[in-house]
Amino acid sequence: MTYADDDGDRVGVLHDDQVHPLGRGVTMLGLLRDGTLRSAGEQALVAPAATRAVGAAPPPRST
């Protein structure tokens, strides 16, 4: 999913009412072009990066 963060749009994985962000600068289009969407999502789910509760994140935005 793409969502608005304090620093701009971010890509993340929604799981159990938590958004697991991917790295800054990562775009959904880039992941689709590279064929790495699934692996990036799997990495985001196990990465120690901070998550955000869905209620704390603005609604997803299409890109």
PDB file of N, CA and C in Angstrom:
ATOM      1  N   MET A   1       0.834  -1.167   0.000  1.00  0.00           N
ATOM      2  CA  MET A   1       0.000   0.000   0.000  1.00  0.00           C
ATOM      3  C   MET A   1       0.880   1.231   0.000  1.00  0.00           C
ATOM      4  N   THR A   2       0.343   2.329  -0.503  1.00  0.00           N
ATOM      5  CA  THR A   2       1.026   3.617  -0.445  1.00  0.00           C
ATOM      6  C   THR A   2       0.269   4.485   0.543  1.00  0.00           C
ATOM      7  N   TYR A   3       0.988   5.149   1.421  1.00  0.00           N
ATOM      8  CA  TYR A   3       0.352   6.002   2.418  1.00  0.00           C
ATOM      9  C   TYR A   3       1.164   7.279   2.602  1.00  0.00           C
ATOM     10  N   ALA A   4       0.519   8.296   3.132  1.00  0.00           N
ATOM     11  CA  ALA A   4       1.183   9.576   3.373  1.00  0.00           C
ATOM     12  C   ALA A   4       1.873   9.529   4.730  1.00  0.00           C
ATOM     13  N   ASP A   5       3.141   9.892   4.739  1.00  0.00           N
ATOM     14  CA  ASP A   5       3.935   9.949   5.956  1.00  0.00           C
ATOM     15  C   ASP A   5       4.328  11.407   6.168  1.00  0.00           C
ATOM     16  N   ASP A   6       4.917  11.715   7.284  1.00  0.00           N
ATOM     17  CA  ASP A   6       5.351  13.087   7.553  1.00  0.00           C
ATOM     18  C   ASP A   6       6.321  13.602   6.492  1.00  0.00           C
ATOM     19  N   ASP A   7       7.106  12.691   5.914  1.00  0.00           N
ATOM     20  CA  ASP A   7       8.108  13.073   4.916  1.00  0.00           C
ATOM     21  C   ASP A   7       7.652  12.837   3.487  1.00  0.00           C
ATOM     22  N   GLY A   8       6.370  12.541   3.258  1.00  0.00           N
ATOM     23  CA  GLY A   8       5.864  12.297   1.908  1.00  0.00           C
ATOM     24  C   GLY A   8       5.267  10.905   1.792  1.00  0.00           C
ATOM     25  N   ASP A   9       5.015  10.484   0.572  1.00  0.00           N
ATOM     26  CA  ASP A   9       4.419   9.173   0.334  1.00  0.00           C
ATOM     27  C   ASP A   9       5.401   8.056   0.639  1.00  0.00           C
ATOM     28  N   ARG A  10       4.875   6.983   1.242  1.00  0.00           N
ATOM     29  CA  ARG A  10       5.676   5.802   1.576  1.00  0.00           C
ATOM     30  C   ARG A  10       4.940   4.564   1.107  1.00  0.00           C
ATOM     31  N   VAL A  11       5.675   3.494   0.905  1.00  0.00           N
ATOM     32  CA  VAL A  11       5.103   2.192   0.568  1.00  0.00           C
ATOM     33  C   VAL A  11       5.273   1.304   1.788  1.00  0.00           C
ATOM     34  N   GLY A  12       4.252   0.528   2.088  1.00  0.00           N
ATOM     35  CA  GLY A  12       4.311  -0.370   3.228  1.00  0.00           C
ATOM     36  C   GLY A  12       3.393  -1.553   3.044  1.00  0.00           C
ATOM     37  N   VAL A  13       3.466  -2.470   3.985  1.00  0.00           N
ATOM     38  CA  VAL A  13       2.632  -3.672   3.996  1.00  0.00           C
ATOM     39  C   VAL A  13       1.660  -3.550   5.158  1.00  0.00           C
ATOM     40  N   LEU A  14       0.394  -3.761   4.890  1.00  0.00           N
ATOM     41  CA  LEU A  14      -0.614  -3.743   5.936  1.00  0.00           C
ATOM     42  C   LEU A  14      -0.802  -5.163   6.448  1.00  0.00           C
ATOM     43  N   HIS A  15      -0.575  -5.358   7.760  1.00  0.00           N
ATOM     44  CA  HIS A  15      -0.697  -6.682   8.375  1.00  0.00           C
ATOM     45  C   HIS A  15      -1.159  -6.515   9.815  1.00  0.00           C
ATOM     46  N   ASP A  16      -2.246  -7.179  10.169  1.00  0.00           N
ATOM     47  CA  ASP A  16      -2.776  -7.120  11.540  1.00  0.00           C
ATOM     48  C   ASP A  16      -2.940  -5.690  12.045  1.00  0.00           C
ATOM     49  N   ASP A  17      -3.565  -4.848  11.249  1.00  0.00           N
ATOM     50  CA  ASP A  17      -3.825  -3.449  11.611  1.00  0.00           C
ATOM     51  C   ASP A  17      -2.559  -2.633  11.860  1.00  0.00           C
ATOM     52  N   GLN A  18      -1.440  -3.072  11.311  1.00  0.00           N
ATOM     53  CA  GLN A  18      -0.177  -2.337  11.407  1.00  0.00           C
ATOM     54  C   GLN A  18       0.387  -2.133  10.004  1.00  0.00           C
ATOM     55  N   VAL A  19       0.956  -0.968   9.770  1.00  0.00           N
ATOM     56  CA  VAL A  19       1.641  -0.696   8.512  1.00  0.00           C
ATOM     57  C   VAL A  19       3.133  -0.909   8.748  1.00  0.00           C
ATOM     58  N   HIS A  20       3.722  -1.807   7.984  1.00  0.00           N
ATOM     59  CA  HIS A  20       5.157  -2.087   8.039  1.00  0.00           C
ATOM     60  C   HIS A  20       5.802  -1.365   6.854  1.00  0.00           C
ATOM     61  N   PRO A  21       6.509  -0.262   7.099  1.00  0.00           N
ATOM     62  CA  PRO A  21       7.043   0.535   5.998  1.00  0.00           C
ATOM     63  C   PRO A  21       8.230  -0.121   5.308  1.00  0.00           C
ATOM     64  N   LEU A  22       8.325   0.120   4.003  1.00  0.00           N
ATOM     65  CA  LEU A  22       9.511  -0.241   3.242  1.00  0.00           C
ATOM     66  C   LEU A  22      10.463   0.949   3.300  1.00  0.00           C
ATOM     67  N   GLY A  23      11.623   0.819   2.743  1.00  0.00           N
ATOM     68  CA  GLY A  23      12.618   1.881   2.809  1.00  0.00           C
ATOM     69  C   GLY A  23      12.168   3.172   2.157  1.00  0.00           C
ATOM     70  N   ARG A  24      12.709   4.268   2.624  1.00  0.00           N
ATOM     71  CA  ARG A  24      12.409   5.572   2.016  1.00  0.00           C
ATOM     72  C   ARG A  24      12.848   5.549   0.559  1.00  0.00           C
ATOM     73  N   GLY A  25      12.053   6.154  -0.274  1.00  0.00           N
ATOM     74  CA  GLY A  25      12.376   6.218  -1.691  1.00  0.00           C
ATOM     75  C   GLY A  25      11.863   5.033  -2.495  1.00  0.00           C
ATOM     76  N   VAL A  26      11.396   3.985  -1.821  1.00  0.00           N
ATOM     77  CA  VAL A  26      10.836   2.828  -2.511  1.00  0.00           C
ATOM     78  C   VAL A  26       9.463   3.217  -3.024  1.00  0.00           C
ATOM     79  N   THR A  27       9.172   2.872  -4.277  1.00  0.00           N
ATOM     80  CA  THR A  27       7.854   3.159  -4.839  1.00  0.00           C
ATOM     81  C   THR A  27       7.183   1.865  -5.251  1.00  0.00           C
ATOM     82  N   MET A  28       5.866   1.883  -5.255  1.00  0.00           N
ATOM     83  CA  MET A  28       5.114   0.719  -5.691  1.00  0.00           C
ATOM     84  C   MET A  28       5.441   0.414  -7.157  1.00  0.00           C
ATOM     85  N   LEU A  29       5.506   1.443  -7.967  1.00  0.00           N
ATOM     86  CA  LEU A  29       5.820   1.251  -9.381  1.00  0.00           C
ATOM     87  C   LEU A  29       7.202   0.629  -9.561  1.00  0.00           C
ATOM     88  N   GLY A  30       8.169   1.090  -8.784  1.00  0.00           N
ATOM     89  CA  GLY A  30       9.514   0.518  -8.863  1.00  0.00           C
ATOM     90  C   GLY A  30       9.535  -0.957  -8.495  1.00  0.00           C
ATOM     91  N   LEU A  31       8.801  -1.326  -7.453  1.00  0.00           N
ATOM     92  CA  LEU A  31       8.729  -2.729  -7.036  1.00  0.00           C
ATOM     93  C   LEU A  31       8.074  -3.585  -8.116  1.00  0.00           C
ATOM     94  N   LEU A  32       7.025  -3.053  -8.736  1.00  0.00           N
ATOM     95  CA  LEU A  32       6.351  -3.791  -9.806  1.00  0.00           C
ATOM     96  C   LEU A  32       7.249  -3.933 -11.028  1.00  0.00           C
ATOM     97  N   ARG A  33       7.946  -2.865 -11.375  1.00  0.00           N
ATOM     98  CA  ARG A  33       8.854  -2.916 -12.537  1.00  0.00           C
ATOM     99  C   ARG A  33       9.989  -3.910 -12.320  1.00  0.00           C
ATOM    100  N   ASP A  34      10.517  -3.940 -11.085  1.00  0.00           N
ATOM    101  CA  ASP A  34      11.653  -4.810 -10.784  1.00  0.00           C
ATOM    102  C   ASP A  34      11.245  -6.252 -10.491  1.00  0.00           C
ATOM    103  N   GLY A  35       9.958  -6.476 -10.303  1.00  0.00           N
ATOM    104  CA  GLY A  35       9.496  -7.812  -9.941  1.00  0.00           C
ATOM    105  C   GLY A  35       9.853  -8.187  -8.511  1.00  0.00           C
ATOM    106  N   THR A  36      10.009  -7.190  -7.644  1.00  0.00           N
ATOM    107  CA  THR A  36      10.446  -7.445  -6.272  1.00  0.00           C
ATOM    108  C   THR A  36       9.369  -7.137  -5.231  1.00  0.00           C
ATOM    109  N   LEU A  37       8.137  -6.966  -5.667  1.00  0.00           N
ATOM    110  CA  LEU A  37       7.067  -6.599  -4.746  1.00  0.00           C
ATOM    111  C   LEU A  37       6.914  -7.612  -3.619  1.00  0.00           C
ATOM    112  N   ARG A  38       6.828  -8.877  -3.958  1.00  0.00           N
ATOM    113  CA  ARG A  38       6.627  -9.911  -2.932  1.00  0.00           C
ATOM    114  C   ARG A  38       7.797  -9.979  -1.950  1.00  0.00           C
ATOM    115  N   SER A  39       9.016 -10.018  -2.469  1.00  0.00           N
ATOM    116  CA  SER A  39      10.168 -10.142  -1.575  1.00  0.00           C
ATOM    117  C   SER A  39      10.327  -8.907  -0.689  1.00  0.00           C
ATOM    118  N   ALA A  40      10.047  -7.723  -1.230  1.00  0.00           N
ATOM    119  CA  ALA A  40      10.141  -6.511  -0.418  1.00  0.00           C
ATOM    120  C   ALA A  40       9.093  -6.530   0.686  1.00  0.00           C
ATOM    121  N   GLY A  41       7.897  -7.005   0.366  1.00  0.00           N
ATOM    122  CA  GLY A  41       6.851  -7.107   1.368  1.00  0.00           C
ATOM    123  C   GLY A  41       7.192  -8.094   2.463  1.00  0.00           C
ATOM    124  N   GLU A  42       7.753  -9.228   2.067  1.00  0.00           N
ATOM    125  CA  GLU A  42       8.155 -10.231   3.057  1.00  0.00           C
ATOM    126  C   GLU A  42       9.237  -9.682   3.971  1.00  0.00           C
ATOM    127  N   GLN A  43      10.188  -8.945   3.406  1.00  0.00           N
ATOM    128  CA  GLN A  43      11.255  -8.350   4.218  1.00  0.00           C
ATOM    129  C   GLN A  43      10.698  -7.308   5.175  1.00  0.00           C
ATOM    130  N   ALA A  44       9.719  -6.530   4.723  1.00  0.00           N
ATOM    131  CA  ALA A  44       9.126  -5.496   5.585  1.00  0.00           C
ATOM    132  C   ALA A  44       8.429  -6.112   6.790  1.00  0.00           C
ATOM    133  N   LEU A  45       7.850  -7.283   6.605  1.00  0.00           N
ATOM    134  CA  LEU A  45       7.133  -7.924   7.710  1.00  0.00           C
ATOM    135  C   LEU A  45       8.072  -8.447   8.796  1.00  0.00           C
ATOM    136  N   VAL A  46       9.313  -8.760   8.454  1.00  0.00           N
ATOM    137  CA  VAL A  46      10.251  -9.285   9.453  1.00  0.00           C
ATOM    138  C   VAL A  46      11.296  -8.255   9.885  1.00  0.00           C
ATOM    139  N   ALA A  47      11.324  -7.107   9.224  1.00  0.00           N
ATOM    140  CA  ALA A  47      12.316  -6.066   9.553  1.00  0.00           C
ATOM    141  C   ALA A  47      11.971  -5.416  10.887  1.00  0.00           C
ATOM    142  N   PRO A  48      12.971  -4.962  11.606  1.00  0.00           N
ATOM    143  CA  PRO A  48      12.735  -4.334  12.906  1.00  0.00           C
ATOM    144  C   PRO A  48      12.270  -2.878  12.814  1.00  0.00           C
ATOM    145  N   ALA A  49      11.944  -2.395  11.618  1.00  0.00           N
ATOM    146  CA  ALA A  49      11.515  -1.000  11.460  1.00  0.00           C
ATOM    147  C   ALA A  49      10.234  -0.739  12.248  1.00  0.00           C
ATOM    148  N   ALA A  50      10.065   0.487  12.651  1.00  0.00           N
ATOM    149  CA  ALA A  50       8.874   0.871  13.409  1.00  0.00           C
ATOM    150  C   ALA A  50       7.626   0.691  12.557  1.00  0.00           C
ATOM    151  N   THR A  51       6.566   0.208  13.181  1.00  0.00           N
ATOM    152  CA  THR A  51       5.291   0.073  12.490  1.00  0.00           C
ATOM    153  C   THR A  51       4.357   1.176  12.960  1.00  0.00           C
ATOM    154  N   ARG A  52       3.283   1.363  12.218  1.00  0.00           N
ATOM    155  CA  ARG A  52       2.278   2.351  12.589  1.00  0.00           C
ATOM    156  C   ARG A  52       0.934   1.662  12.650  1.00  0.00           C
ATOM    157  N   ALA A  53       0.168   1.976  13.670  1.00  0.00           N
ATOM    158  CA  ALA A  53      -1.196   1.451  13.746  1.00  0.00           C
ATOM    159  C   ALA A  53      -2.003   2.073  12.616  1.00  0.00           C
ATOM    160  N   VAL A  54      -2.927   1.306  12.083  1.00  0.00           N
ATOM    161  CA  VAL A  54      -3.720   1.789  10.954  1.00  0.00           C
ATOM    162  C   VAL A  54      -4.433   3.078  11.296  1.00  0.00           C
ATOM    163  N   GLY A  55      -4.963   3.196  12.483  1.00  0.00           N
ATOM    164  CA  GLY A  55      -5.628   4.436  12.881  1.00  0.00           C
ATOM    165  C   GLY A  55      -4.707   5.639  12.891  1.00  0.00           C
ATOM    166  N   ALA A  56      -3.404   5.421  13.041  1.00  0.00           N
ATOM    167  CA  ALA A  56      -2.439   6.508  13.081  1.00  0.00           C
ATOM    168  C   ALA A  56      -1.967   6.915  11.697  1.00  0.00           C
ATOM    169  N   ALA A  57      -2.177   6.054  10.730  1.00  0.00           N
ATOM    170  CA  ALA A  57      -1.727   6.344   9.372  1.00  0.00           C
ATOM    171  C   ALA A  57      -2.873   6.923   8.563  1.00  0.00           C
ATOM    172  N   PRO A  58      -2.610   7.920   7.727  1.00  0.00           N
ATOM    173  CA  PRO A  58      -3.650   8.405   6.845  1.00  0.00           C
ATOM    174  C   PRO A  58      -4.089   7.292   5.891  1.00  0.00           C
ATOM    175  N   PRO A  59      -5.255   7.410   5.276  1.00  0.00           N
ATOM    176  CA  PRO A  59      -5.716   6.351   4.386  1.00  0.00           C
ATOM    177  C   PRO A  59      -4.782   6.135   3.206  1.00  0.00           C
ATOM    178  N   PRO A  60      -4.742   4.913   2.664  1.00  0.00           N
ATOM    179  CA  PRO A  60      -3.893   4.626   1.500  1.00  0.00           C
ATOM    180  C   PRO A  60      -4.240   5.541   0.338  1.00  0.00           C
ATOM    181  N   ARG A  61      -3.226   5.895  -0.429  1.00  0.00           N
ATOM    182  CA  ARG A  61      -3.431   6.734  -1.610  1.00  0.00           C
ATOM    183  C   ARG A  61      -2.959   5.971  -2.825  1.00  0.00           C
ATOM    184  N   SER A  62      -3.686   6.068  -3.893  1.00  0.00           N
ATOM    185  CA  SER A  62      -3.250   5.402  -5.115  1.00  0.00           C
ATOM    186  C   SER A  62      -2.196   6.255  -5.783  1.00  0.00           C
ATOM    187  N   THR A  63      -1.251   5.605  -6.469  1.00  0.00           N
ATOM    188  CA  THR A  63      -0.189   6.341  -7.136  1.00  0.00           C
ATOM    189  C   THR A  63      -0.268   6.119  -8.622  1.00  0.00           C
TER     190      THR A  63
END
